[in-house]
N, C-alpha and C. Protein backbone atom coordinates (compact mmCIF):
# COMPACT_ATOMS: atom_id res chain seq x y z
N MET A 1 14.66 25.38 11.59
CA MET A 1 14.45 24.04 12.02
C MET A 1 15.79 23.34 12.50
N PRO A 2 15.78 22.63 13.51
CA PRO A 2 16.86 22.11 13.98
C PRO A 2 17.75 21.15 12.89
N MET A 3 19.02 20.54 13.19
CA MET A 3 19.89 20.08 12.04
C MET A 3 19.20 18.65 11.65
N LEU A 4 18.88 17.72 12.91
CA LEU A 4 18.36 16.30 12.27
C LEU A 4 17.01 16.29 11.61
N PRO A 5 16.45 17.13 12.08
CA PRO A 5 14.83 17.01 11.38
C PRO A 5 15.40 17.62 9.76
N ALA A 6 16.33 18.45 9.54
CA ALA A 6 16.61 19.08 8.19
C ALA A 6 17.09 17.97 7.40
N ILE A 7 18.19 17.29 8.10
CA ILE A 7 18.87 16.17 7.39
C ILE A 7 17.86 14.80 7.11
N ILE A 8 17.01 14.72 7.97
CA ILE A 8 15.97 13.63 7.58
C ILE A 8 15.14 13.98 6.47
N GLU A 9 14.58 15.37 6.51
CA GLU A 9 13.86 16.02 5.44
C GLU A 9 14.66 15.74 4.02
N SER A 10 15.83 16.21 4.05
CA SER A 10 16.63 16.02 2.80
C SER A 10 16.69 14.54 2.20
N ILE A 11 16.67 13.66 3.08
CA ILE A 11 17.07 12.20 2.54
C ILE A 11 15.87 11.49 2.37
N ILE A 12 14.70 12.02 3.06
CA ILE A 12 13.30 11.40 2.34
C ILE A 12 12.79 12.05 1.04
N PHE A 13 13.20 13.43 1.12
CA PHE A 13 12.93 14.04 -0.28
C PHE A 13 13.67 13.58 -1.37
N ALA A 14 14.77 13.21 -1.40
CA ALA A 14 15.74 12.47 -2.39
C ALA A 14 15.48 10.91 -2.73
N ALA A 15 14.78 10.40 -1.75
CA ALA A 15 14.42 8.67 -1.97
C ALA A 15 13.44 8.69 -2.85
N ASP A 16 13.47 7.60 -3.68
CA ASP A 16 12.30 7.26 -4.69
C ASP A 16 11.29 6.21 -3.99
N SER A 17 11.33 6.10 -2.85
CA SER A 17 10.19 5.28 -2.20
C SER A 17 10.31 5.57 -0.64
N PRO A 18 9.23 5.48 0.01
CA PRO A 18 8.99 5.52 1.54
C PRO A 18 10.27 4.77 2.16
N LEU A 19 10.92 5.45 3.11
CA LEU A 19 11.94 5.15 3.82
C LEU A 19 11.42 4.79 5.39
N SER A 20 11.69 3.56 5.94
CA SER A 20 11.29 3.14 7.24
C SER A 20 12.07 3.65 8.48
N LEU A 21 11.79 3.75 9.51
CA LEU A 21 12.47 4.34 10.53
C LEU A 21 13.86 3.50 10.61
N ASP A 22 13.59 2.19 10.60
CA ASP A 22 14.83 1.36 10.62
C ASP A 22 15.85 1.78 9.49
N ARG A 23 15.29 2.03 8.38
CA ARG A 23 15.95 2.32 7.30
C ARG A 23 16.82 3.88 7.31
N LEU A 24 16.23 4.61 7.95
CA LEU A 24 16.70 5.90 8.44
C LEU A 24 17.86 5.84 9.54
N SER A 25 17.73 4.89 10.48
CA SER A 25 18.53 4.50 11.41
C SER A 25 19.76 4.02 10.92
N GLU A 26 19.62 3.23 9.91
CA GLU A 26 20.90 2.43 9.12
C GLU A 26 21.74 3.89 8.47
N ILE A 27 20.98 4.59 7.91
CA ILE A 27 21.68 5.80 7.03
C ILE A 27 22.29 6.61 7.94
N LEU A 28 21.54 6.98 9.12
CA LEU A 28 22.25 7.92 10.09
C LEU A 28 22.67 7.17 11.45
N PRO A 29 23.59 6.57 11.65
CA PRO A 29 23.94 5.62 12.78
C PRO A 29 24.67 6.44 13.84
N GLU A 30 24.88 7.52 13.61
CA GLU A 30 25.32 8.80 14.46
C GLU A 30 24.48 9.09 15.35
N PHE A 31 23.31 8.93 14.99
CA PHE A 31 21.80 9.56 15.72
C PHE A 31 21.17 8.13 16.34
N GLY A 32 20.68 8.36 17.58
CA GLY A 32 19.90 7.47 17.95
C GLY A 32 18.53 6.96 17.47
N HIS A 33 18.07 5.92 17.48
CA HIS A 33 16.47 5.54 17.21
C HIS A 33 15.70 6.62 17.61
N ASP A 34 15.71 6.87 18.79
CA ASP A 34 14.36 7.87 19.49
C ASP A 34 14.66 9.04 19.01
N GLU A 35 15.99 9.65 18.58
CA GLU A 35 15.99 10.89 18.10
C GLU A 35 15.69 10.88 16.90
N ILE A 36 15.82 10.00 15.84
CA ILE A 36 15.12 10.12 14.19
C ILE A 36 13.83 10.13 14.71
N LYS A 37 13.19 9.16 15.35
CA LYS A 37 11.80 9.12 15.69
C LYS A 37 11.19 10.19 15.84
N ALA A 38 11.62 11.00 17.03
CA ALA A 38 11.28 12.30 17.55
C ALA A 38 11.26 13.28 16.39
N ALA A 39 12.41 13.50 15.58
CA ALA A 39 12.41 14.37 14.49
C ALA A 39 11.73 14.12 13.43
N ILE A 40 11.16 12.78 13.12
CA ILE A 40 10.25 12.73 12.07
C ILE A 40 8.99 13.19 12.50
N ALA A 41 8.43 12.89 13.86
CA ALA A 41 7.30 13.62 14.51
C ALA A 41 7.23 15.04 14.22
N GLU A 42 8.51 15.63 14.52
CA GLU A 42 8.60 17.26 14.18
C GLU A 42 8.19 17.45 12.97
N LEU A 43 9.07 16.71 11.99
CA LEU A 43 8.80 17.29 10.55
C LEU A 43 7.17 16.99 9.87
N CYS A 44 6.66 16.12 10.71
CA CYS A 44 5.10 15.82 10.14
C CYS A 44 4.37 16.95 10.60
N VAL A 45 4.50 17.29 11.91
CA VAL A 45 3.71 18.62 12.26
C VAL A 45 4.13 19.96 11.70
N PHE A 46 5.62 19.92 11.42
CA PHE A 46 5.75 21.21 10.71
C PHE A 46 5.14 21.41 9.23
N HIS A 47 5.34 20.00 8.46
CA HIS A 47 4.78 20.11 7.10
C HIS A 47 3.12 20.31 7.27
N GLU A 48 2.48 19.72 8.07
CA GLU A 48 1.16 19.90 8.09
C GLU A 48 0.62 21.32 8.50
N ALA A 49 1.24 21.98 9.42
CA ALA A 49 1.06 23.35 9.85
C ALA A 49 1.32 24.39 8.71
N ARG A 50 2.26 24.25 7.95
CA ARG A 50 2.67 25.10 6.95
C ARG A 50 2.02 24.92 5.73
N PRO A 51 1.60 26.29 5.34
CA PRO A 51 0.85 26.30 4.02
C PRO A 51 1.50 25.94 2.66
N GLY A 52 1.91 24.92 2.67
CA GLY A 52 2.85 24.48 1.37
C GLY A 52 2.05 23.37 0.82
N GLY A 53 2.64 22.94 -0.22
CA GLY A 53 2.04 21.91 -1.25
C GLY A 53 2.30 20.56 -0.65
N LEU A 54 3.22 20.62 0.14
CA LEU A 54 3.87 19.17 0.36
C LEU A 54 3.70 18.61 1.90
N VAL A 55 3.33 17.35 2.23
CA VAL A 55 3.02 16.87 3.49
C VAL A 55 4.21 15.58 3.63
N LEU A 56 4.23 15.11 4.88
CA LEU A 56 5.21 14.20 5.25
C LEU A 56 4.19 13.10 5.62
N VAL A 57 4.16 11.84 5.02
CA VAL A 57 3.10 11.03 5.54
C VAL A 57 3.70 9.50 5.36
N GLU A 58 3.16 8.76 6.53
CA GLU A 58 3.58 7.50 6.56
C GLU A 58 2.81 6.47 5.70
N VAL A 59 3.62 5.96 4.94
CA VAL A 59 2.98 4.85 3.71
C VAL A 59 3.78 3.91 3.42
N ALA A 60 3.12 2.23 3.49
CA ALA A 60 3.90 1.40 2.98
C ALA A 60 5.14 1.08 4.24
N GLY A 61 4.96 1.53 5.32
CA GLY A 61 5.86 0.98 6.36
C GLY A 61 6.90 2.02 6.22
N GLY A 62 6.77 3.37 5.52
CA GLY A 62 8.06 4.14 5.74
C GLY A 62 7.44 5.63 5.51
N TRP A 63 8.28 6.29 5.53
CA TRP A 63 7.89 8.05 5.53
C TRP A 63 7.95 8.47 4.00
N GLN A 64 7.27 9.47 3.27
CA GLN A 64 7.46 9.66 2.07
C GLN A 64 6.73 11.25 1.89
N PHE A 65 7.54 12.16 1.26
CA PHE A 65 6.64 13.31 1.01
C PHE A 65 5.82 13.15 -0.37
N ARG A 66 4.41 13.80 0.13
CA ARG A 66 3.49 13.74 -1.15
C ARG A 66 2.80 15.09 -1.17
N THR A 67 2.09 15.27 -2.33
CA THR A 67 1.65 16.38 -2.53
C THR A 67 0.18 16.38 -1.82
N ARG A 68 -0.26 17.63 -1.24
CA ARG A 68 -1.55 17.77 -0.55
C ARG A 68 -2.77 17.26 -1.54
N PRO A 69 -3.63 16.58 -1.19
CA PRO A 69 -4.70 15.69 -1.96
C PRO A 69 -5.39 17.11 -2.71
N GLY A 70 -5.57 18.24 -1.94
CA GLY A 70 -6.66 19.15 -2.39
C GLY A 70 -6.00 20.14 -3.69
N PHE A 71 -4.66 19.60 -3.86
CA PHE A 71 -3.97 20.10 -5.14
C PHE A 71 -3.94 19.32 -6.24
N GLN A 72 -4.46 18.07 -5.99
CA GLN A 72 -4.43 17.01 -7.01
C GLN A 72 -4.78 17.25 -8.52
N GLN A 73 -5.97 18.35 -8.53
CA GLN A 73 -6.38 18.77 -9.87
C GLN A 73 -5.38 19.71 -10.52
N TYR A 74 -4.50 20.35 -9.97
CA TYR A 74 -3.55 21.08 -10.56
C TYR A 74 -2.18 20.10 -10.91
N VAL A 75 -1.88 19.34 -9.96
CA VAL A 75 -0.50 18.53 -10.18
C VAL A 75 -0.69 17.49 -11.22
N VAL A 76 -1.81 17.11 -11.45
CA VAL A 76 -2.10 16.04 -12.61
C VAL A 76 -1.97 16.79 -14.13
N ARG A 77 -1.79 18.21 -14.21
CA ARG A 77 -1.87 18.73 -15.47
C ARG A 77 -0.32 18.89 -15.91
N GLN A 78 0.71 18.51 -14.93
CA GLN A 78 2.10 18.20 -15.69
C GLN A 78 2.65 16.94 -15.72
N ALA A 79 1.66 15.95 -15.23
CA ALA A 79 2.03 14.73 -15.17
C ALA A 79 2.40 14.04 -16.56
N LYS A 80 3.61 13.35 -16.75
CA LYS A 80 3.96 13.07 -17.98
C LYS A 80 3.27 11.43 -18.38
N VAL A 81 2.82 11.00 -17.28
CA VAL A 81 2.12 9.49 -17.63
C VAL A 81 0.72 9.62 -16.99
N LYS A 82 -0.08 8.97 -17.70
CA LYS A 82 -1.45 8.98 -17.25
C LYS A 82 -1.52 8.16 -16.20
N ALA A 83 -2.35 8.56 -15.20
CA ALA A 83 -2.76 7.81 -13.78
C ALA A 83 -3.27 6.15 -14.45
N SER A 84 -3.02 5.39 -13.83
CA SER A 84 -3.33 4.12 -14.13
C SER A 84 -4.85 3.83 -13.67
N LYS A 85 -5.50 3.39 -14.53
CA LYS A 85 -7.03 3.29 -14.68
C LYS A 85 -7.30 1.48 -14.49
N PHE A 86 -8.21 1.27 -13.54
CA PHE A 86 -8.43 -0.06 -13.21
C PHE A 86 -9.88 -0.34 -13.80
N SER A 87 -9.84 -1.68 -14.49
CA SER A 87 -11.20 -1.99 -14.68
C SER A 87 -12.11 -2.53 -13.55
N GLN A 88 -13.28 -2.90 -13.84
CA GLN A 88 -13.99 -3.16 -12.65
C GLN A 88 -13.42 -4.52 -12.21
N SER A 89 -13.01 -5.50 -13.11
CA SER A 89 -12.61 -6.92 -12.64
C SER A 89 -11.43 -6.82 -12.08
N SER A 90 -10.59 -5.93 -12.39
CA SER A 90 -9.24 -5.67 -11.57
C SER A 90 -9.38 -5.07 -10.37
N LEU A 91 -10.30 -4.45 -10.04
CA LEU A 91 -10.75 -3.90 -8.62
C LEU A 91 -11.15 -4.77 -8.01
N GLU A 92 -12.00 -5.66 -8.40
CA GLU A 92 -12.82 -6.70 -7.75
C GLU A 92 -11.84 -7.59 -7.16
N THR A 93 -11.16 -8.04 -8.19
CA THR A 93 -9.75 -9.18 -7.84
C THR A 93 -8.88 -8.57 -6.99
N LEU A 94 -8.53 -7.46 -7.02
CA LEU A 94 -7.63 -6.79 -6.02
C LEU A 94 -8.13 -6.54 -4.77
N ALA A 95 -9.22 -6.40 -4.64
CA ALA A 95 -10.09 -6.05 -3.53
C ALA A 95 -10.15 -7.52 -2.80
N ILE A 96 -10.54 -8.31 -3.28
CA ILE A 96 -10.47 -9.98 -2.59
C ILE A 96 -9.14 -10.46 -2.15
N VAL A 97 -7.99 -10.03 -2.98
CA VAL A 97 -6.67 -10.43 -2.66
C VAL A 97 -6.39 -9.72 -1.43
N ALA A 98 -6.50 -8.50 -1.38
CA ALA A 98 -6.18 -7.46 -0.38
C ALA A 98 -7.16 -7.91 0.95
N TYR A 99 -8.12 -8.50 1.05
CA TYR A 99 -8.74 -8.67 2.08
C TYR A 99 -8.86 -10.18 2.45
N ARG A 100 -8.54 -11.02 1.74
CA ARG A 100 -8.54 -12.42 2.06
C ARG A 100 -7.02 -12.88 2.02
N GLN A 101 -6.05 -12.46 1.57
CA GLN A 101 -5.01 -12.88 1.52
C GLN A 101 -4.40 -13.52 2.81
N PRO A 102 -3.65 -14.58 2.59
CA PRO A 102 -3.17 -15.34 1.39
C PRO A 102 -4.25 -15.82 0.63
N VAL A 103 -4.37 -16.01 -0.42
CA VAL A 103 -5.42 -16.54 -1.31
C VAL A 103 -5.12 -17.00 -2.48
N THR A 104 -5.65 -18.19 -2.92
CA THR A 104 -5.27 -19.08 -4.04
C THR A 104 -6.07 -18.26 -5.50
N ARG A 105 -5.61 -18.55 -6.68
CA ARG A 105 -6.65 -18.30 -7.88
C ARG A 105 -7.92 -18.81 -7.59
N ALA A 106 -7.92 -20.15 -7.27
CA ALA A 106 -9.25 -20.82 -7.10
C ALA A 106 -10.26 -20.05 -6.39
N GLU A 107 -9.66 -19.85 -4.98
CA GLU A 107 -10.47 -19.29 -4.09
C GLU A 107 -11.01 -17.83 -4.72
N VAL A 108 -9.88 -16.88 -5.42
CA VAL A 108 -10.61 -15.84 -5.93
C VAL A 108 -11.72 -15.82 -6.92
N GLU A 109 -11.24 -16.79 -7.78
CA GLU A 109 -12.49 -17.24 -8.82
C GLU A 109 -13.67 -17.86 -8.14
N HIS A 110 -13.67 -18.29 -7.34
CA HIS A 110 -14.91 -18.88 -6.38
C HIS A 110 -15.59 -17.80 -6.02
N LEU A 111 -15.09 -16.68 -5.51
CA LEU A 111 -15.75 -15.74 -5.03
C LEU A 111 -16.24 -14.76 -6.07
N ARG A 112 -15.58 -14.52 -7.22
CA ARG A 112 -15.82 -13.64 -8.20
C ARG A 112 -16.86 -14.59 -9.24
N GLY A 113 -16.70 -15.70 -9.38
CA GLY A 113 -17.66 -16.63 -10.32
C GLY A 113 -17.10 -16.50 -11.69
N VAL A 114 -15.85 -15.83 -12.13
CA VAL A 114 -15.36 -16.01 -13.28
C VAL A 114 -13.82 -16.32 -13.18
N ASP A 115 -13.26 -16.67 -14.47
CA ASP A 115 -11.97 -16.88 -14.54
C ASP A 115 -11.21 -15.71 -14.13
N CYS A 116 -9.96 -15.81 -13.31
CA CYS A 116 -9.33 -14.55 -13.09
C CYS A 116 -7.85 -14.61 -13.48
N GLY A 117 -7.54 -15.77 -14.14
CA GLY A 117 -6.10 -15.79 -14.42
C GLY A 117 -5.32 -14.69 -15.09
N GLY A 118 -6.10 -14.17 -16.22
CA GLY A 118 -5.46 -13.04 -17.00
C GLY A 118 -5.60 -11.76 -15.90
N VAL A 119 -6.51 -11.37 -15.06
CA VAL A 119 -6.64 -10.27 -14.14
C VAL A 119 -5.65 -10.66 -13.08
N LEU A 120 -5.41 -11.76 -12.57
CA LEU A 120 -4.16 -11.88 -11.77
C LEU A 120 -2.62 -11.51 -12.33
N LYS A 121 -2.62 -12.02 -13.62
CA LYS A 121 -1.39 -11.98 -14.26
C LYS A 121 -1.01 -10.29 -14.48
N SER A 122 -1.97 -9.47 -14.96
CA SER A 122 -2.24 -8.09 -14.96
C SER A 122 -1.71 -7.36 -14.00
N LEU A 123 -2.25 -7.57 -12.76
CA LEU A 123 -1.98 -7.03 -11.35
C LEU A 123 -0.61 -7.50 -10.96
N LEU A 124 -0.07 -8.69 -11.21
CA LEU A 124 1.31 -9.12 -11.01
C LEU A 124 2.28 -8.11 -11.69
N GLU A 125 1.91 -7.91 -13.34
CA GLU A 125 2.64 -7.21 -14.22
C GLU A 125 2.60 -5.53 -13.63
N LYS A 126 1.77 -5.37 -12.80
CA LYS A 126 1.36 -3.83 -12.31
C LYS A 126 2.21 -4.07 -10.72
N ARG A 127 2.57 -4.94 -10.57
CA ARG A 127 3.27 -5.18 -9.11
C ARG A 127 2.54 -4.72 -7.85
N LEU A 128 1.31 -4.88 -8.08
CA LEU A 128 0.36 -4.72 -7.09
C LEU A 128 -0.13 -5.80 -6.11
N VAL A 129 0.21 -6.90 -7.03
CA VAL A 129 0.07 -8.13 -6.40
C VAL A 129 1.37 -9.04 -6.27
N ARG A 130 1.58 -9.95 -5.27
CA ARG A 130 2.87 -10.82 -5.53
C ARG A 130 2.53 -12.38 -5.20
N ILE A 131 3.30 -12.96 -5.72
CA ILE A 131 3.27 -14.33 -5.26
C ILE A 131 4.12 -14.80 -3.85
N LEU A 132 3.35 -15.37 -2.88
CA LEU A 132 3.66 -15.55 -1.56
C LEU A 132 4.37 -16.79 -1.58
N GLY A 133 3.83 -17.67 -2.21
CA GLY A 133 4.58 -19.28 -2.25
C GLY A 133 3.49 -20.18 -2.75
N LYS A 134 3.55 -21.14 -2.13
CA LYS A 134 2.38 -22.44 -2.48
C LYS A 134 1.79 -22.95 -1.33
N LYS A 135 0.36 -22.98 -1.66
CA LYS A 135 -0.26 -23.63 -0.49
C LYS A 135 -0.26 -25.38 -0.25
N ASP A 136 -0.17 -25.73 0.83
CA ASP A 136 0.20 -27.05 1.11
C ASP A 136 -1.04 -27.97 1.20
N ILE A 137 -1.65 -27.84 -0.11
CA ILE A 137 -2.82 -29.09 -0.77
C ILE A 137 -2.43 -29.41 -1.96
N PRO A 138 -3.04 -30.55 -1.83
CA PRO A 138 -2.78 -31.34 -3.44
C PRO A 138 -2.65 -30.23 -4.62
N GLY A 139 -1.84 -30.60 -5.34
CA GLY A 139 -1.72 -29.55 -6.49
C GLY A 139 -0.72 -28.38 -6.00
N ARG A 140 -0.62 -27.90 -4.85
CA ARG A 140 0.01 -27.06 -4.38
C ARG A 140 0.16 -25.76 -5.20
N PRO A 141 -1.16 -25.19 -5.33
CA PRO A 141 -1.67 -23.72 -5.92
C PRO A 141 -0.82 -22.74 -5.19
N LEU A 142 -0.58 -21.65 -6.26
CA LEU A 142 0.36 -20.58 -5.88
C LEU A 142 -0.73 -19.81 -4.83
N ILE A 143 -0.23 -19.03 -4.01
CA ILE A 143 -0.94 -18.18 -3.16
C ILE A 143 -0.59 -16.72 -3.39
N TYR A 144 -1.62 -15.69 -3.24
CA TYR A 144 -1.19 -14.51 -3.85
C TYR A 144 -1.72 -13.47 -2.43
N GLY A 145 -0.73 -12.26 -2.59
CA GLY A 145 -0.99 -11.44 -1.63
C GLY A 145 -0.46 -9.83 -2.24
N THR A 146 -0.93 -9.01 -1.58
CA THR A 146 -0.53 -7.84 -1.94
C THR A 146 0.67 -7.52 -1.82
N SER A 147 1.06 -6.12 -2.52
CA SER A 147 2.76 -5.96 -2.49
C SER A 147 2.81 -4.58 -1.93
N ARG A 148 4.14 -4.29 -1.77
CA ARG A 148 4.49 -2.89 -1.02
C ARG A 148 4.06 -2.09 -2.14
N GLU A 149 4.26 -2.11 -3.29
CA GLU A 149 3.45 -1.16 -4.21
C GLU A 149 2.04 -0.96 -4.17
N PHE A 150 1.34 -1.91 -3.71
CA PHE A 150 0.00 -1.66 -3.56
C PHE A 150 -0.38 -0.65 -2.53
N LEU A 151 0.34 -0.87 -1.23
CA LEU A 151 0.27 0.25 -0.10
C LEU A 151 0.72 1.59 -0.57
N GLU A 152 1.67 1.78 -1.35
CA GLU A 152 2.35 3.01 -1.90
C GLU A 152 1.10 3.63 -2.89
N VAL A 153 0.60 2.78 -3.83
CA VAL A 153 -0.30 3.38 -4.88
C VAL A 153 -1.72 3.81 -3.90
N PHE A 154 -2.01 3.10 -3.21
CA PHE A 154 -3.41 3.44 -2.36
C PHE A 154 -3.07 4.28 -1.01
N GLY A 155 -1.95 4.50 -0.95
CA GLY A 155 -1.56 5.60 0.40
C GLY A 155 -1.91 4.98 1.70
N LEU A 156 -1.62 3.64 1.75
CA LEU A 156 -1.99 2.76 2.94
C LEU A 156 -0.79 2.67 3.81
N LYS A 157 -0.73 2.96 5.16
CA LYS A 157 0.46 2.72 6.10
C LYS A 157 0.67 1.18 6.04
N ASP A 158 -0.38 0.50 6.39
CA ASP A 158 -0.05 -1.14 6.28
C ASP A 158 -1.51 -1.43 5.96
N LEU A 159 -1.68 -3.04 6.07
CA LEU A 159 -2.84 -3.76 5.74
C LEU A 159 -4.17 -3.20 6.71
N LYS A 160 -3.72 -3.17 7.72
CA LYS A 160 -4.53 -2.74 8.68
C LYS A 160 -5.30 -1.52 8.35
N SER A 161 -4.46 -0.49 7.56
CA SER A 161 -5.19 0.68 7.21
C SER A 161 -6.26 0.58 6.39
N LEU A 162 -6.60 -0.52 5.77
CA LEU A 162 -7.65 -0.98 4.64
C LEU A 162 -8.96 -0.43 5.22
N PRO A 163 -9.85 0.21 4.46
CA PRO A 163 -11.31 0.51 4.88
C PRO A 163 -11.87 -0.59 5.02
N THR A 164 -13.03 -0.69 6.01
CA THR A 164 -13.91 -1.96 6.07
C THR A 164 -15.01 -1.85 4.87
N LEU A 165 -15.70 -2.85 4.75
CA LEU A 165 -16.81 -2.72 3.62
C LEU A 165 -17.71 -1.76 3.94
N LYS A 166 -18.05 -1.56 5.40
CA LYS A 166 -18.93 -0.48 5.79
C LYS A 166 -18.67 0.85 5.12
N GLU A 167 -17.42 1.21 5.57
CA GLU A 167 -16.80 2.36 5.28
C GLU A 167 -16.68 2.64 3.82
N ILE A 168 -16.52 1.59 2.96
CA ILE A 168 -16.61 1.74 1.22
C ILE A 168 -17.98 1.99 0.99
N LEU A 169 -19.20 1.34 1.71
CA LEU A 169 -20.40 1.43 0.97
C LEU A 169 -20.88 2.87 1.62
N ALA A 170 -20.39 3.45 2.79
CA ALA A 170 -20.81 4.86 2.95
C ALA A 170 -20.34 5.85 2.04
N LEU A 171 -19.52 5.51 1.27
CA LEU A 171 -19.05 6.56 0.01
C LEU A 171 -20.02 6.43 -1.03
N ASP A 172 -20.86 5.31 -1.24
CA ASP A 172 -21.98 5.16 -2.03
C ASP A 172 -21.43 5.05 -3.65
N ASP A 173 -20.35 4.69 -3.48
CA ASP A 173 -19.44 4.36 -4.96
C ASP A 173 -19.54 2.98 -5.69
N LEU A 174 -19.72 2.18 -4.67
CA LEU A 174 -19.87 0.66 -5.15
C LEU A 174 -21.17 -0.02 -4.84
N PRO A 175 -22.09 0.55 -5.38
CA PRO A 175 -23.55 -0.15 -5.19
C PRO A 175 -23.83 -1.70 -5.31
N GLN A 176 -22.74 -2.18 -6.35
CA GLN A 176 -22.97 -3.78 -6.37
C GLN A 176 -22.59 -4.52 -5.11
N TYR A 177 -21.89 -4.04 -4.22
CA TYR A 177 -21.51 -4.69 -3.07
C TYR A 177 -22.48 -4.80 -1.91
N GLU A 178 -23.70 -3.92 -2.33
CA GLU A 178 -24.75 -3.73 -1.19
C GLU A 178 -25.38 -4.99 -0.63
N ARG A 179 -25.24 -6.05 -1.46
CA ARG A 179 -26.22 -7.45 -0.99
C ARG A 179 -25.05 -8.33 -0.42
N GLN A 180 -23.58 -7.84 -0.50
CA GLN A 180 -22.71 -8.94 -0.04
C GLN A 180 -22.32 -8.78 1.26
N GLU A 181 -22.07 -10.08 1.86
CA GLU A 181 -21.55 -10.00 3.46
C GLU A 181 -20.40 -9.27 3.49
N GLU A 182 -19.91 -8.47 4.71
CA GLU A 182 -18.60 -8.20 4.63
C GLU A 182 -17.41 -9.16 4.78
N LEU A 183 -16.48 -9.05 3.89
CA LEU A 183 -15.29 -10.05 3.79
C LEU A 183 -14.87 -10.36 5.39
N PRO A 184 -14.67 -11.53 5.88
CA PRO A 184 -14.08 -11.77 7.04
C PRO A 184 -12.69 -11.49 7.07
N LEU A 185 -12.11 -10.59 8.29
CA LEU A 185 -10.77 -10.46 8.19
C LEU A 185 -10.03 -10.97 9.57
N GLU A 186 -10.47 -12.14 10.02
CA GLU A 186 -10.13 -12.75 10.94
C GLU A 186 -8.71 -13.40 11.18
N ASN A 187 -8.24 -13.24 9.89
CA ASN A 187 -6.81 -13.58 9.95
C ASN A 187 -6.06 -12.53 9.84
N ARG A 188 -6.63 -11.22 9.58
CA ARG A 188 -5.53 -10.26 9.37
C ARG A 188 -4.61 -9.96 10.65
N ALA A 189 -5.18 -10.26 11.86
CA ALA A 189 -4.19 -10.02 12.90
C ALA A 189 -3.12 -11.04 12.88
N ASP A 190 -3.57 -12.31 12.00
CA ASP A 190 -2.33 -13.08 12.32
C ASP A 190 -1.41 -13.09 11.41
N PHE A 191 -1.40 -12.23 10.64
CA PHE A 191 -0.23 -11.90 9.26
C PHE A 191 1.14 -11.85 10.27
N PRO A 192 2.01 -12.30 9.65
CA PRO A 192 3.45 -11.94 10.10
C PRO A 192 3.74 -10.79 9.68
N GLU A 193 4.94 -10.22 10.15
CA GLU A 193 5.36 -8.76 10.04
C GLU A 193 5.42 -8.43 8.50
N GLU A 194 6.08 -9.56 7.96
CA GLU A 194 6.38 -9.47 6.25
C GLU A 194 5.16 -9.37 5.61
N MET A 195 4.21 -9.89 6.03
CA MET A 195 2.88 -9.98 5.40
C MET A 195 2.42 -8.61 5.32
N SER A 196 2.27 -7.75 6.49
CA SER A 196 1.79 -6.72 6.47
C SER A 196 2.43 -5.51 5.90
N LEU A 197 3.70 -5.70 5.73
CA LEU A 197 4.78 -4.93 4.88
C LEU A 197 5.42 -5.91 3.99
N PRO A 198 4.84 -6.42 2.69
CA PRO A 198 5.16 -7.32 1.89
C PRO A 198 6.42 -6.58 1.03
N PHE A 199 7.44 -7.72 0.64
CA PHE A 199 8.43 -7.19 -0.37
C PHE A 199 7.90 -7.05 -1.77
N ASP A 200 8.76 -6.58 -2.66
CA ASP A 200 8.54 -6.34 -3.92
C ASP A 200 8.36 -7.77 -4.78
N VAL A 201 7.41 -7.78 -5.75
CA VAL A 201 7.28 -8.78 -6.69
C VAL A 201 8.49 -9.20 -7.24
N PRO A 202 8.95 -10.43 -7.31
CA PRO A 202 10.11 -10.70 -8.05
C PRO A 202 10.32 -10.22 -9.49
N SER A 203 11.33 -9.91 -9.87
CA SER A 203 11.42 -9.08 -11.29
C SER A 203 11.25 -10.34 -12.29
N THR A 204 11.25 -11.90 -11.72
CA THR A 204 11.09 -12.83 -12.86
C THR A 204 9.87 -13.04 -13.17
N LEU A 205 8.84 -12.49 -12.31
CA LEU A 205 7.28 -12.81 -12.60
C LEU A 205 6.63 -11.84 -13.49
């Protein structure tokens, strides 16, 4: 393997979160942006082709090594922490925030038909949802959106990688949604760059 791909491989492997192309360029100023981009592409092809347990994937706006999905049943045997489990109410609330963001608590509760204060607090604590600011309407309610951790947990490159409702229904795992209309996503293309790749939830939340 040429030197640059090997250098990038070691940096990504040692990182505790996905590294973006811009961040890698900051770490490696002696190499050009295009050189680093080409090296990443070479690494992806290399790890995808080799019969190993790791692959290099683009997630949450950066690059990260992950175990191959087919080996999950073996990997979890050594996990020291149990995988997070989400209640149905948490999944429904998180889905509404993900597809309708920026969204207020009242809008989430209108769609779910129940109080969501506790669920939103739990999602904030799990760092899957973040407060984006306040809506410019009477009362100035808080508005919510998904976090970078949300993208990492669900293995998404960005918000545009979210599956459509039709794709979810094709899995036949969520029959309770069969009678609902597909959530409108007309605002997704209008998200600013920081909305597509949101920052972490502030530690004070």
